Amino acid sequence: MKLRQSFLLATALTCLLAACGGGSGSGAGDDTVQPRAGGSLTVLSIADARGLDPFGATYNALVDEPRMAALYDPLFTVDAATGEVHPHLGRSLTTADDGATWTLTLRPDVRFSDGTALDAEAVRVNWDMHARPETGSLHRGAAAGLRLEVTGPLTLLVTPPARNVLLDRAIATELTYIAAPSVLAKGPEEYRAHPVGAGPFTLQSWTRGSRMEFAKNPTYWQYDNGLPRLDKLTIAITTDVTQAYNTVRSGGAHLFVAADPPTLDKAENDLNVAAVPTGGGQSLAFNLTRAPFDDTRARRAVALALDPRELAATLGASYRPAKSVFPQTSPFYDPAATQPAPDKAEAQRLFDELAAAGKPVDFTLLTPQNPQARRIAEFLQSRLAAFRNTAMRIQGMEIGAFVATTRVNRNFQAAMEQSWQADPEPAMYQAFRSAGPLNITGWNNPRADQALDTSRTDPAPQARKQAYSELQRALAADLPIWTFAESRIGPVWNDRVAGVSTYNAGVPFLDRIGLRP
């Protein structure tokens, strides 16, 4: 139970902190100015790290992933704009039998910062540790059940527990950072505080709760190509997004990653931004195991009573109304399988019907304790107040308590959630499959389970699209969640910075970033 709590706590914390405030060439960013060699750059982060190992880090651009990019470099990446998987430290990742097995090959002559080789055995050791329950890895779900066979110095044969044509997505987003086995052998106290990776930088100092200082890695695999551009990198903690924005704008720092819509829209006018739309979105999650939302009618009544377009009209056009967990720009978005459109008359009929049956829609909405979440919750509360036979209270909670209550104990009626998914896989499988480790709503729909299984087993692109259409139809019918705003995420930087490009969900590549000439 303790290991499960650790997994859920950190995974949820990644989402909630945002509410508080040469290789693959993939990702967003249109900065064509070549950065000069040398200099120092400061990146602002909204939270300090619990540790600097690949197991305990949250792979999210708002929190830990820029640190992972600096220390380790990714094996493979996902381009959120195209859905393509690109190699980086890895050279290829292929399946010849429709996902029954996968062959991973690595670039030659890549070494960790301690001089040891990043080879197939190093990848095997890392993924094996992810899979062990005693490691407490936040990414265990992606590694559990994998059979790993080193078939050559740079080649690893991977056999998933069931055929999975989308395993490359899970590897690129959940298993992409590799630590040196030499430091892993020294135990968690050592590898969490004194990381050894093959990335563009090495850790020089860590002042807890304040900042980390990194220096150029002289053993970096692209060193002879002039990478990294920078001599030094600092990642400093600034928990307030407004303060981060003002600090970057004034030149006190260079870059931060943002996900709240008003900040991203403001940055488009005042600074530079490379935000990408992602799957997931901002949602209300309903607990299907507790009243009143154990009744589908209650969930439908709330969804019909609320209009995402009114949220944008009231709180600002930066909030992009959602119709699905897939943004409307996604190739998987199905306009014929969206959430039900607002219908206030039908919502009132359902509220009255439930009250007459002795089941009034009376509930508490849990939110993280911060101004942005409070504003959204108060908007939703004001709209529901116009209806008879329903009542909504707001309970803001300190982040740790919120996570424990919703993700671990699942002691809630409704909760505010947000996520950013560069690719639907594996996040939606984990969140919406009945036995998924992130299925906090308790939703159990065989139709959705079958669709998610099909998305992993049928290699035809059209089959995947159809599977996600089936998932969207099941979500629209049962409404375990109601998504009200689409998600965007990405770096914001000032005019002193050049060479910005991103991978996965808005993570800046730190090998090629630098200062303008």
Protein backbone atom coordinates (compact mmCIF):
# COMPACT_ATOMS: atom_id res chain seq x y z
CA MET A 1 0.00 0.00 0.00
CA LYS A 2 2.83 2.40 0.77
CA LEU A 3 4.29 1.94 -2.73
CA ARG A 4 0.89 2.52 -4.34
CA GLN A 5 0.48 5.69 -2.26
CA SER A 6 3.87 6.94 -3.41
CA PHE A 7 2.93 6.35 -7.05
CA LEU A 8 -0.43 8.07 -6.79
CA LEU A 9 0.76 10.98 -4.69
CA ALA A 10 3.51 12.03 -7.03
CA THR A 11 1.47 11.42 -10.19
CA ALA A 12 -1.34 13.62 -8.95
CA LEU A 13 1.04 16.25 -7.65
CA THR A 14 2.34 16.72 -11.18
CA CYS A 15 -1.12 17.74 -12.33
CA LEU A 16 -2.04 19.87 -9.35
CA LEU A 17 1.06 22.00 -9.14
CA ALA A 18 0.11 23.54 -12.47
CA ALA A 19 -3.20 24.65 -11.04
CA CYS A 20 -1.16 26.40 -8.38
CA GLY A 21 -0.06 28.74 -10.19
CA GLY A 22 20.80 17.61 -32.11
CA GLY A 23 19.01 14.22 -31.82
CA SER A 24 15.37 13.81 -32.61
CA GLY A 25 14.49 17.29 -33.75
CA SER A 26 10.90 16.73 -32.63
CA GLY A 27 8.52 19.12 -30.99
CA ALA A 28 7.40 22.72 -31.01
CA GLY A 29 9.44 25.87 -31.24
CA ASP A 30 10.21 28.14 -34.16
CA ASP A 31 13.31 29.95 -32.92
CA THR A 32 15.64 29.91 -35.93
CA VAL A 33 18.39 32.05 -34.39
CA GLN A 34 21.42 29.92 -33.59
CA PRO A 35 22.52 30.42 -29.96
CA ARG A 36 26.09 31.35 -29.22
CA ALA A 37 28.43 29.00 -27.40
CA GLY A 38 28.88 29.52 -23.67
CA GLY A 39 27.08 31.45 -20.98
CA SER A 40 24.65 30.59 -18.23
CA LEU A 41 20.86 30.26 -18.34
CA THR A 42 18.29 30.18 -15.52
CA VAL A 43 15.09 28.13 -15.75
CA LEU A 44 12.33 28.62 -13.17
CA SER A 45 10.39 25.64 -11.79
CA ILE A 46 7.27 25.64 -9.63
CA ALA A 47 8.56 22.98 -7.22
CA ASP A 48 11.73 21.33 -6.00
CA ALA A 49 12.50 17.69 -6.76
CA ARG A 50 11.98 14.84 -4.31
CA GLY A 51 14.94 13.14 -5.95
CA LEU A 52 16.90 13.23 -9.19
CA ASP A 53 16.55 9.61 -10.24
CA PRO A 54 14.33 8.37 -13.10
CA PHE A 55 12.16 6.39 -10.67
CA GLY A 56 10.85 9.04 -8.29
CA ALA A 57 10.67 11.93 -10.76
CA THR A 58 7.39 13.10 -12.23
CA TYR A 59 7.74 13.25 -15.99
CA ASN A 60 6.08 16.60 -16.48
CA ALA A 61 7.50 19.80 -17.94
CA LEU A 62 6.15 21.88 -15.06
CA VAL A 63 8.09 20.01 -12.43
CA ASP A 64 10.81 17.38 -12.86
CA GLU A 65 11.20 16.74 -16.56
CA PRO A 66 13.52 19.67 -17.38
CA ARG A 67 15.85 18.26 -14.70
CA MET A 68 15.64 14.85 -16.34
CA ALA A 69 16.40 16.42 -19.72
CA ALA A 70 19.48 18.11 -18.29
CA LEU A 71 20.87 15.04 -16.53
CA TYR A 72 19.85 12.10 -18.69
CA ASP A 73 18.64 13.03 -22.19
CA PRO A 74 15.68 10.98 -23.48
CA LEU A 75 16.05 7.66 -25.27
CA PHE A 76 13.06 8.46 -27.48
CA THR A 77 10.56 11.32 -27.67
CA VAL A 78 7.02 11.96 -28.82
CA ASP A 79 6.19 14.92 -31.01
CA ALA A 80 2.93 16.18 -29.52
CA ALA A 81 2.03 17.94 -32.77
CA THR A 82 2.28 14.85 -34.98
CA GLY A 83 2.17 11.91 -32.58
CA GLU A 84 5.40 10.55 -34.08
CA VAL A 85 8.05 8.83 -31.96
CA HIS A 86 11.61 10.02 -32.64
CA PRO A 87 14.98 8.57 -31.60
CA HIS A 88 17.43 10.52 -29.48
CA LEU A 89 19.85 8.45 -27.38
CA GLY A 90 18.16 5.47 -28.95
CA ARG A 91 18.74 4.77 -32.62
CA SER A 92 15.63 2.70 -33.41
CA LEU A 93 12.64 1.07 -31.75
CA THR A 94 10.78 -1.34 -34.02
CA THR A 95 8.38 -4.25 -34.04
CA ALA A 96 8.22 -6.84 -36.82
CA ASP A 97 5.31 -8.84 -35.38
CA ASP A 98 2.59 -6.28 -34.60
CA GLY A 99 3.74 -5.51 -31.08
CA ALA A 100 4.40 -9.04 -29.82
CA THR A 101 8.09 -8.11 -29.49
CA TRP A 102 10.10 -4.91 -29.92
CA THR A 103 13.76 -4.39 -30.74
CA LEU A 104 15.52 -1.37 -29.26
CA THR A 105 18.92 -0.31 -30.56
CA LEU A 106 21.12 2.41 -29.09
CA ARG A 107 23.57 4.88 -30.54
CA PRO A 108 27.17 3.70 -30.25
CA ASP A 109 29.75 5.45 -28.09
CA VAL A 110 27.31 7.10 -25.67
CA ARG A 111 28.74 7.25 -22.17
CA PHE A 112 27.46 8.29 -18.78
CA SER A 113 29.16 11.20 -17.09
CA ASP A 114 31.24 8.77 -14.99
CA GLY A 115 32.68 7.23 -18.19
CA THR A 116 30.68 3.98 -18.13
CA ALA A 117 28.79 2.90 -21.25
CA LEU A 118 25.13 3.53 -21.93
CA ASP A 119 24.48 0.12 -23.44
CA ALA A 120 21.63 -2.35 -23.66
CA GLU A 121 22.48 -3.79 -20.27
CA ALA A 122 22.13 -0.31 -18.72
CA VAL A 123 18.64 0.03 -20.19
CA ARG A 124 17.72 -3.45 -18.94
CA VAL A 125 18.91 -2.62 -15.42
CA ASN A 126 16.88 0.59 -15.32
CA TRP A 127 13.68 -0.95 -16.64
CA ASP A 128 14.02 -3.91 -14.34
CA MET A 129 14.28 -1.52 -11.39
CA HIS A 130 11.19 0.37 -12.60
CA ALA A 131 9.27 -2.90 -12.55
CA ARG A 132 10.30 -3.96 -9.04
CA PRO A 133 7.69 -2.96 -6.42
CA GLU A 134 10.39 -2.22 -3.86
CA THR A 135 11.81 0.56 -6.07
CA GLY A 136 8.59 2.53 -5.71
CA SER A 137 8.87 3.82 -9.27
CA LEU A 138 6.17 6.22 -10.42
CA HIS A 139 6.50 4.59 -13.84
CA ARG A 140 6.18 0.98 -12.79
CA GLY A 141 2.99 0.54 -14.81
CA ALA A 142 4.95 0.95 -18.06
CA ALA A 143 7.67 -1.53 -17.08
CA ALA A 144 5.71 -4.19 -15.20
CA GLY A 145 5.59 -7.49 -17.06
CA LEU A 146 8.19 -6.60 -19.70
CA ARG A 147 10.58 -9.45 -20.56
CA LEU A 148 13.98 -8.01 -21.39
CA GLU A 149 16.76 -9.81 -23.23
CA VAL A 150 20.10 -8.24 -24.12
CA THR A 151 20.88 -9.63 -27.57
CA GLY A 152 23.91 -7.45 -28.32
CA PRO A 153 25.91 -4.64 -26.74
CA LEU A 154 23.49 -2.06 -28.12
CA THR A 155 20.40 -4.19 -28.71
CA LEU A 156 17.56 -5.07 -26.33
CA LEU A 157 14.69 -7.42 -27.18
CA VAL A 158 11.52 -6.35 -25.35
CA THR A 159 8.51 -8.64 -24.98
CA PRO A 160 5.43 -7.00 -23.40
CA PRO A 161 3.02 -9.12 -21.33
CA ALA A 162 0.43 -8.74 -24.10
CA ARG A 163 0.81 -7.57 -27.66
CA ASN A 164 1.17 -3.80 -27.70
CA VAL A 165 1.62 -1.88 -30.94
CA LEU A 166 1.91 1.35 -28.91
CA LEU A 167 4.72 0.29 -26.59
CA ASP A 168 7.03 2.87 -28.20
CA ARG A 169 4.76 5.60 -26.78
CA ALA A 170 5.10 4.23 -23.27
CA ILE A 171 8.87 3.98 -23.65
CA ALA A 172 9.14 7.56 -24.94
CA THR A 173 7.04 9.02 -22.13
CA GLU A 174 7.53 6.69 -19.15
CA LEU A 175 10.85 4.82 -19.56
CA THR A 176 12.95 7.28 -21.54
CA TYR A 177 15.52 8.36 -18.91
CA ILE A 178 18.39 6.00 -18.07
CA ALA A 179 20.70 6.28 -15.06
CA ALA A 180 24.16 4.72 -14.89
CA PRO A 181 24.02 1.25 -13.30
CA SER A 182 27.20 2.18 -11.45
CA VAL A 183 25.31 4.73 -9.34
CA LEU A 184 22.15 2.60 -9.07
CA ALA A 185 24.24 -0.10 -7.40
CA LYS A 186 25.03 2.33 -4.58
CA GLY A 187 21.40 2.52 -3.48
CA PRO A 188 18.60 5.12 -3.44
CA GLU A 189 20.24 7.59 -1.07
CA GLU A 190 23.10 7.94 -3.53
CA TYR A 191 21.28 7.85 -6.87
CA ARG A 192 18.55 10.26 -5.75
CA ALA A 193 20.97 12.94 -4.59
CA HIS A 194 24.03 12.33 -6.81
CA PRO A 195 22.66 11.38 -10.24
CA VAL A 196 24.82 10.01 -13.04
CA GLY A 197 23.33 10.24 -16.53
CA ALA A 198 24.32 10.71 -20.16
CA GLY A 199 22.66 14.11 -20.56
CA PRO A 200 24.15 17.47 -21.52
CA PHE A 201 24.74 18.58 -17.91
CA THR A 202 25.95 17.26 -14.57
CA LEU A 203 24.72 18.34 -11.16
CA GLN A 204 27.12 20.63 -9.31
CA SER A 205 25.04 21.68 -6.30
CA TRP A 206 21.53 21.39 -4.89
CA THR A 207 20.21 23.86 -2.33
CA ARG A 208 16.98 22.21 -1.23
CA GLY A 209 13.92 24.33 -1.78
CA SER A 210 15.91 26.95 -3.68
CA ARG A 211 18.00 25.95 -6.70
CA MET A 212 20.14 23.45 -8.56
CA GLU A 213 23.33 24.34 -10.41
CA PHE A 214 24.47 22.30 -13.42
CA ALA A 215 27.66 22.36 -15.51
CA LYS A 216 28.34 21.26 -19.08
CA ASN A 217 29.03 17.53 -19.33
CA PRO A 218 32.45 17.07 -21.03
CA THR A 219 31.60 13.44 -21.86
CA TYR A 220 28.33 14.35 -23.61
CA TRP A 221 27.77 12.33 -26.78
CA GLN A 222 27.21 15.49 -28.86
CA TYR A 223 30.07 17.45 -27.27
CA ASP A 224 32.16 17.44 -30.45
CA ASN A 225 29.22 19.02 -32.28
CA GLY A 226 29.27 22.00 -29.93
CA LEU A 227 26.52 20.76 -27.62
CA PRO A 228 25.39 21.69 -25.13
CA ARG A 229 25.55 25.34 -26.05
CA LEU A 230 25.59 26.52 -22.45
CA ASP A 231 28.42 26.28 -19.93
CA LYS A 232 26.08 26.43 -16.95
CA LEU A 233 22.41 25.87 -16.21
CA THR A 234 20.46 26.89 -13.09
CA ILE A 235 17.00 25.60 -12.18
CA ALA A 236 15.53 27.82 -9.47
CA ILE A 237 12.26 27.42 -7.54
CA THR A 238 9.50 30.02 -7.94
CA THR A 239 6.12 28.67 -6.84
CA ASP A 240 4.05 31.64 -8.05
CA VAL A 241 3.42 31.73 -11.80
CA THR A 242 2.94 35.51 -11.81
CA GLN A 243 6.29 35.97 -10.12
CA ALA A 244 7.91 33.59 -12.60
CA TYR A 245 6.41 35.53 -15.51
CA ASN A 246 7.58 38.88 -14.16
CA THR A 247 11.06 37.54 -13.36
CA VAL A 248 11.55 36.23 -16.90
CA ARG A 249 10.14 39.38 -18.44
CA SER A 250 12.47 41.59 -16.38
CA GLY A 251 15.51 39.45 -17.22
CA GLY A 252 16.01 38.01 -13.74
CA ALA A 253 15.65 34.54 -15.30
CA HIS A 254 15.38 33.26 -18.85
CA LEU A 255 12.66 30.62 -19.15
CA PHE A 256 9.85 28.82 -17.35
CA VAL A 257 7.20 26.30 -18.38
CA ALA A 258 3.56 27.41 -18.14
CA ALA A 259 0.25 25.60 -18.45
CA ASP A 260 -2.40 28.01 -17.20
CA PRO A 261 -4.25 29.61 -20.12
CA PRO A 262 -4.06 33.30 -19.07
CA THR A 263 -0.28 33.14 -18.68
CA LEU A 264 0.21 31.45 -22.05
CA ASP A 265 -1.98 33.99 -23.82
CA LYS A 266 -0.22 36.90 -22.12
CA ALA A 267 3.17 35.46 -23.12
CA GLU A 268 2.16 35.46 -26.77
CA ASN A 269 2.09 39.26 -26.59
CA ASP A 270 4.93 40.05 -24.17
CA LEU A 271 7.44 37.20 -24.44
CA ASN A 272 8.02 34.07 -26.53
CA VAL A 273 6.05 30.86 -26.09
CA ALA A 274 6.01 27.37 -27.62
CA ALA A 275 2.84 25.90 -26.14
CA VAL A 276 1.39 22.70 -27.56
CA PRO A 277 -2.22 21.52 -27.20
CA THR A 278 -2.38 18.16 -25.47
CA GLY A 279 -4.88 15.52 -24.55
CA GLY A 280 -6.37 15.35 -21.09
CA GLY A 281 -7.66 18.80 -20.27
CA GLN A 282 -9.21 20.34 -17.18
CA SER A 283 -12.03 18.24 -15.79
CA LEU A 284 -14.38 17.42 -12.98
CA ALA A 285 -13.79 13.84 -11.87
CA PHE A 286 -16.80 12.15 -10.29
CA ASN A 287 -16.48 9.36 -7.74
CA LEU A 288 -18.77 6.64 -9.07
CA THR A 289 -18.54 4.67 -5.81
CA ARG A 290 -20.17 7.38 -3.65
CA ALA A 291 -23.44 9.29 -3.68
CA PRO A 292 -24.63 11.30 -5.45
CA PHE A 293 -22.45 10.42 -8.43
CA ASP A 294 -22.95 6.68 -8.19
CA ASP A 295 -26.09 7.53 -10.20
CA THR A 296 -25.47 8.33 -13.86
CA ARG A 297 -28.34 10.82 -13.78
CA ALA A 298 -26.51 12.98 -11.24
CA ARG A 299 -23.39 13.15 -13.39
CA ARG A 300 -25.44 13.92 -16.47
CA ALA A 301 -27.43 16.62 -14.68
CA VAL A 302 -24.27 18.46 -13.66
CA ALA A 303 -22.78 18.14 -17.15
CA LEU A 304 -25.96 19.42 -18.79
CA ALA A 305 -26.22 22.32 -16.35
CA LEU A 306 -22.77 23.67 -17.13
CA ASP A 307 -21.47 25.26 -20.32
CA PRO A 308 -17.71 25.37 -21.03
CA ARG A 309 -18.29 28.33 -23.35
CA GLU A 310 -19.59 30.38 -20.42
CA LEU A 311 -16.36 29.65 -18.55
CA ALA A 312 -14.36 31.23 -21.34
CA ALA A 313 -16.76 34.17 -21.56
CA THR A 314 -16.55 34.78 -17.81
CA LEU A 315 -12.92 34.02 -16.95
CA GLY A 316 -11.31 34.95 -20.25
CA ALA A 317 -10.98 33.72 -23.81
CA SER A 318 -7.71 32.01 -22.90
CA TYR A 319 -9.82 29.11 -21.61
CA ARG A 320 -10.55 26.96 -24.64
CA PRO A 321 -13.87 25.15 -24.20
CA ALA A 322 -13.56 21.37 -24.36
CA LYS A 323 -15.93 18.85 -25.87
CA SER A 324 -13.87 15.76 -25.10
CA VAL A 325 -10.70 14.55 -23.40
CA PHE A 326 -9.19 14.88 -26.88
CA PRO A 327 -8.60 18.46 -28.05
CA GLN A 328 -10.40 19.39 -31.24
CA THR A 329 -7.02 19.59 -32.99
CA SER A 330 -6.30 15.91 -32.23
CA PRO A 331 -6.56 13.37 -35.06
CA PHE A 332 -8.41 11.17 -32.54
CA TYR A 333 -11.09 13.74 -31.73
CA ASP A 334 -14.49 12.49 -32.89
CA PRO A 335 -17.07 15.27 -33.34
CA ALA A 336 -19.80 12.62 -33.30
CA ALA A 337 -18.77 11.34 -29.85
CA THR A 338 -18.54 14.48 -27.75
CA GLN A 339 -19.85 15.19 -24.27
CA PRO A 340 -23.53 16.12 -24.16
CA ALA A 341 -24.24 19.73 -25.04
CA PRO A 342 -25.64 21.99 -22.32
CA ASP A 343 -29.37 21.55 -21.78
CA LYS A 344 -30.62 23.45 -18.74
CA ALA A 345 -34.19 22.21 -19.00
CA GLU A 346 -33.09 18.56 -19.04
CA ALA A 347 -30.64 19.24 -16.21
CA GLN A 348 -33.44 20.64 -14.06
CA ARG A 349 -35.67 17.68 -14.89
CA LEU A 350 -32.95 15.29 -13.72
CA PHE A 351 -32.27 17.28 -10.55
CA ASP A 352 -35.99 17.18 -9.73
CA GLU A 353 -36.28 13.49 -10.55
CA LEU A 354 -33.37 12.60 -8.29
CA ALA A 355 -34.70 14.75 -5.44
CA ALA A 356 -38.13 13.08 -5.72
CA ALA A 357 -36.39 9.72 -5.37
CA GLY A 358 -34.62 10.90 -2.20
CA LYS A 359 -31.28 11.36 -3.99
CA PRO A 360 -30.65 15.12 -4.21
CA VAL A 361 -27.46 16.20 -6.01
CA ASP A 362 -25.77 17.64 -2.94
CA PHE A 363 -21.99 17.42 -3.06
CA THR A 364 -18.60 18.91 -2.21
CA LEU A 365 -16.11 19.74 -4.95
CA LEU A 366 -12.52 19.27 -3.81
CA THR A 367 -9.93 21.58 -5.36
CA PRO A 368 -6.27 22.31 -4.78
CA GLN A 369 -5.92 25.38 -2.60
CA ASN A 370 -4.99 28.12 -5.05
CA PRO A 371 -6.60 31.18 -6.64
CA GLN A 372 -7.01 29.78 -10.15
CA ALA A 373 -8.79 26.62 -9.02
CA ARG A 374 -10.94 28.70 -6.66
CA ARG A 375 -12.06 31.02 -9.47
CA ILE A 376 -13.10 28.09 -11.64
CA ALA A 377 -14.88 26.36 -8.77
CA GLU A 378 -16.78 29.52 -7.84
CA PHE A 379 -17.86 29.93 -11.46
CA LEU A 380 -19.21 26.36 -11.50
CA GLN A 381 -20.89 26.88 -8.13
CA SER A 382 -22.59 30.07 -9.33
CA ARG A 383 -24.04 28.32 -12.36
CA LEU A 384 -25.37 25.35 -10.37
CA ALA A 385 -26.94 27.73 -7.84
CA ALA A 386 -29.47 28.69 -10.52
CA PHE A 387 -31.03 25.20 -10.34
CA ARG A 388 -33.42 23.71 -7.78
CA ASN A 389 -32.59 20.56 -5.84
CA THR A 390 -28.84 20.80 -6.14
CA ALA A 391 -26.14 22.19 -3.90
CA MET A 392 -22.40 22.39 -4.36
CA ARG A 393 -19.82 23.32 -1.76
CA ILE A 394 -16.16 24.07 -2.41
CA GLN A 395 -13.38 22.65 -0.28
CA GLY A 396 -9.91 23.86 -1.10
CA MET A 397 -7.18 21.64 0.26
CA GLU A 398 -3.42 21.90 0.64
CA ILE A 399 -1.92 19.96 -2.23
CA GLY A 400 -0.59 17.04 -0.21
CA ALA A 401 -3.91 16.59 1.55
CA PHE A 402 -5.81 16.93 -1.72
CA VAL A 403 -3.73 14.23 -3.37
CA ALA A 404 -4.03 11.87 -0.42
CA THR A 405 -7.79 12.38 -0.27
CA THR A 406 -8.51 11.95 -3.98
CA ARG A 407 -5.77 9.71 -5.35
CA VAL A 408 -4.91 7.47 -2.43
CA ASN A 409 -7.99 7.27 -0.21
CA ARG A 410 -10.44 8.19 -2.97
CA ASN A 411 -12.57 9.85 -0.32
CA PHE A 412 -14.33 12.45 -2.43
CA GLN A 413 -17.52 13.12 -4.34
CA ALA A 414 -16.13 15.33 -7.11
CA ALA A 415 -12.64 16.72 -7.67
CA MET A 416 -10.94 19.12 -10.05
CA GLU A 417 -8.33 17.46 -12.26
CA GLN A 418 -5.92 18.45 -15.04
CA SER A 419 -3.51 16.50 -17.23
CA TRP A 420 -1.29 16.96 -20.29
CA GLN A 421 -0.83 14.03 -22.67
CA ALA A 422 1.53 14.22 -25.63
CA ASP A 423 -0.04 10.94 -26.76
CA PRO A 424 -3.13 9.14 -25.44
CA GLU A 425 -1.00 6.08 -24.68
CA PRO A 426 -0.35 5.06 -21.94
CA ALA A 427 -2.11 7.79 -19.91
CA MET A 428 -5.67 7.07 -21.04
CA TYR A 429 -5.21 3.34 -20.67
CA GLN A 430 -4.11 3.87 -17.07
CA ALA A 431 -6.88 6.35 -16.27
CA PHE A 432 -9.91 4.85 -18.00
CA ARG A 433 -9.40 1.11 -18.05
CA SER A 434 -11.32 -0.47 -15.17
CA ALA A 435 -8.18 -1.88 -13.54
CA GLY A 436 -5.97 1.08 -14.45
CA PRO A 437 -3.71 2.41 -11.69
CA LEU A 438 -4.95 5.99 -12.26
CA ASN A 439 -8.66 5.15 -12.47
CA ILE A 440 -9.65 7.28 -9.47
CA THR A 441 -13.33 7.52 -10.46
CA GLY A 442 -14.00 3.80 -10.14
CA TRP A 443 -15.39 3.67 -13.67
CA ASN A 444 -15.87 0.15 -15.00
CA ASN A 445 -17.13 -0.06 -18.56
CA PRO A 446 -16.44 -3.22 -20.62
CA ARG A 447 -16.96 -1.23 -23.82
CA ALA A 448 -14.20 1.19 -22.83
CA ASP A 449 -11.93 -1.66 -21.71
CA GLN A 450 -12.34 -3.35 -25.09
CA ALA A 451 -11.65 -0.10 -26.95
CA LEU A 452 -8.47 0.51 -24.97
CA ASP A 453 -7.32 -3.06 -25.53
CA THR A 454 -7.97 -2.72 -29.25
CA SER A 455 -5.94 0.49 -29.38
CA ARG A 456 -2.95 -1.54 -28.20
CA THR A 457 -3.41 -4.69 -30.24
CA ASP A 458 -4.57 -3.63 -33.72
CA PRO A 459 -1.72 -2.15 -35.78
CA ALA A 460 -3.95 -0.36 -38.29
CA PRO A 461 -4.01 3.42 -37.69
CA GLN A 462 -7.70 3.53 -38.50
CA ALA A 463 -8.34 0.86 -35.87
CA ARG A 464 -6.72 3.04 -33.23
CA LYS A 465 -8.82 6.01 -34.29
CA GLN A 466 -11.96 3.90 -34.15
CA ALA A 467 -11.00 2.55 -30.73
CA TYR A 468 -10.63 6.05 -29.34
CA SER A 469 -13.98 6.99 -30.89
CA GLU A 470 -15.51 4.09 -28.96
CA LEU A 471 -13.78 5.31 -25.80
CA GLN A 472 -15.18 8.82 -26.33
CA ARG A 473 -18.68 7.44 -26.83
CA ALA A 474 -18.42 5.44 -23.60
CA LEU A 475 -17.14 8.50 -21.72
CA ALA A 476 -19.97 10.62 -23.12
CA ALA A 477 -22.55 8.03 -22.09
CA ASP A 478 -21.29 7.38 -18.55
CA LEU A 479 -19.59 10.71 -17.77
CA PRO A 480 -17.07 9.55 -15.15
CA ILE A 481 -15.44 12.89 -15.91
CA TRP A 482 -16.65 16.13 -17.46
CA THR A 483 -13.94 18.04 -19.32
CA PHE A 484 -14.49 21.78 -19.51
CA ALA A 485 -11.22 23.22 -20.90
CA GLU A 486 -8.53 21.98 -23.25
CA SER A 487 -4.93 21.83 -22.03
CA ARG A 488 -1.86 23.57 -23.39
CA ILE A 489 1.66 23.54 -22.00
CA GLY A 490 5.08 24.77 -23.03
CA PRO A 491 8.08 26.99 -22.31
CA VAL A 492 7.93 30.78 -22.06
CA TRP A 493 11.18 32.69 -22.59
CA ASN A 494 12.57 36.18 -23.09
CA ASP A 495 14.51 37.63 -26.01
CA ARG A 496 17.90 36.73 -24.52
CA VAL A 497 17.26 33.05 -25.32
CA ALA A 498 17.64 31.16 -28.61
CA GLY A 499 17.37 27.58 -29.80
CA VAL A 500 14.17 26.59 -28.00
CA SER A 501 12.46 23.39 -29.12
CA THR A 502 10.42 20.87 -27.19
CA TYR A 503 9.51 17.20 -26.94
CA ASN A 504 6.74 15.19 -25.29
CA ALA A 505 4.33 17.57 -23.51
CA GLY A 506 6.22 20.85 -23.67
CA VAL A 507 9.61 19.73 -22.32
CA PRO A 508 12.45 21.95 -23.59
CA PHE A 509 15.47 20.22 -25.09
CA LEU A 510 18.38 21.44 -22.99
CA ASP A 511 21.20 20.33 -25.29
CA ARG A 512 20.51 22.95 -27.97
CA ILE A 513 19.12 25.88 -25.99
CA GLY A 514 21.39 28.86 -25.37
CA LEU A 515 21.81 32.63 -25.39
CA ARG A 516 21.41 34.85 -28.41
CA PRO A 517 24.61 36.12 -30.01
